[in-house]
Amino acid sequence: MSVRYLYQPGELKGGRRRATDPIWSLNVYEIETIIIKPNEVVIYYLFDGPKRGFVREELLVVQPHSQLPPAA
């Protein structure tokens, strides 16, 4: 499944966020691992993405054949 992830505060270049900065990653990643434990939230890890886990609310599913914004 192809996804984009939600940037954390200060993750973009420069460290400060402006209103015009993107909130979702510009690159698309594939989900590499899903960790499911009873009575805990599901954690997703991305292939070639940041080395941290994500919860469902931090991922945006990219539909097949969708057009992404141009690279800056």
Protein backbone atom coordinates (compact mmCIF):
# COMPACT_ATOMS: atom_id res chain seq x y z
CA MET A 1 0.00 0.00 0.00
CA SER A 2 1.41 3.42 -0.95
CA VAL A 3 1.26 6.13 1.69
CA ARG A 4 2.53 9.60 2.59
CA TYR A 5 3.29 10.45 6.22
CA LEU A 6 2.49 13.48 8.37
CA TYR A 7 5.53 15.65 9.07
CA GLN A 8 6.50 16.19 12.69
CA PRO A 9 7.11 19.75 13.89
CA GLY A 10 10.59 20.87 12.80
CA GLU A 11 11.08 17.95 10.40
CA LEU A 12 11.27 20.13 7.29
CA LYS A 13 14.40 22.03 6.30
CA GLY A 14 14.97 25.14 8.36
CA GLY A 15 13.10 23.80 11.38
CA ARG A 16 10.40 26.48 11.33
CA ARG A 17 7.05 25.81 9.74
CA ARG A 18 5.16 28.36 7.68
CA ALA A 19 1.50 28.20 6.72
CA THR A 20 2.43 27.44 3.10
CA ASP A 21 4.66 24.45 3.94
CA PRO A 22 3.32 20.97 3.16
CA ILE A 23 2.10 18.89 6.09
CA TRP A 24 2.35 15.52 4.30
CA SER A 25 5.57 14.02 2.92
CA LEU A 26 6.23 14.83 -0.71
CA ASN A 27 7.54 11.32 -1.38
CA VAL A 28 5.42 8.19 -1.44
CA TYR A 29 6.46 5.15 0.62
CA GLU A 30 5.40 1.54 0.89
CA ILE A 31 4.46 -0.01 4.23
CA GLU A 32 7.20 -2.45 5.18
CA THR A 33 6.08 -3.82 8.56
CA ILE A 34 2.90 -3.73 10.62
CA ILE A 35 3.14 -4.41 14.36
CA ILE A 36 -0.10 -5.58 16.00
CA LYS A 37 -0.21 -6.18 19.76
CA PRO A 38 -3.35 -6.87 21.79
CA ASN A 39 -4.79 -3.77 23.51
CA GLU A 40 -2.28 -1.43 21.81
CA VAL A 41 -2.36 0.77 18.72
CA VAL A 42 -1.16 -0.68 15.42
CA ILE A 43 2.31 0.60 14.42
CA TYR A 44 3.39 0.91 10.77
CA TYR A 45 6.98 1.12 9.52
CA LEU A 46 7.83 2.43 6.05
CA PHE A 47 10.28 0.98 3.52
CA ASP A 48 13.12 3.51 2.92
CA GLY A 49 11.28 6.06 5.07
CA PRO A 50 12.00 7.59 8.47
CA LYS A 51 13.16 5.08 11.06
CA ARG A 52 10.18 5.60 13.35
CA GLY A 53 6.78 4.02 13.66
CA PHE A 54 3.53 5.62 12.57
CA VAL A 55 -0.05 5.22 13.72
CA ARG A 56 -2.93 5.13 11.25
CA GLU A 57 -3.77 8.83 11.69
CA GLU A 58 -0.25 9.83 10.61
CA LEU A 59 -0.51 8.09 7.22
CA LEU A 60 -2.33 9.20 4.08
CA VAL A 61 -3.17 6.45 1.58
CA VAL A 62 -2.18 7.33 -1.99
CA GLN A 63 -4.60 5.94 -4.53
CA PRO A 64 -3.11 4.15 -7.56
CA HIS A 65 -2.60 6.36 -10.62
CA SER A 66 -2.92 9.57 -8.59
CA GLN A 67 -0.80 12.56 -9.57
CA LEU A 68 1.54 13.95 -6.92
CA PRO A 69 2.56 17.61 -6.62
CA PRO A 70 5.66 18.65 -8.57
CA ALA A 71 8.99 18.44 -6.76
CA ALA A 72 10.25 21.76 -5.43
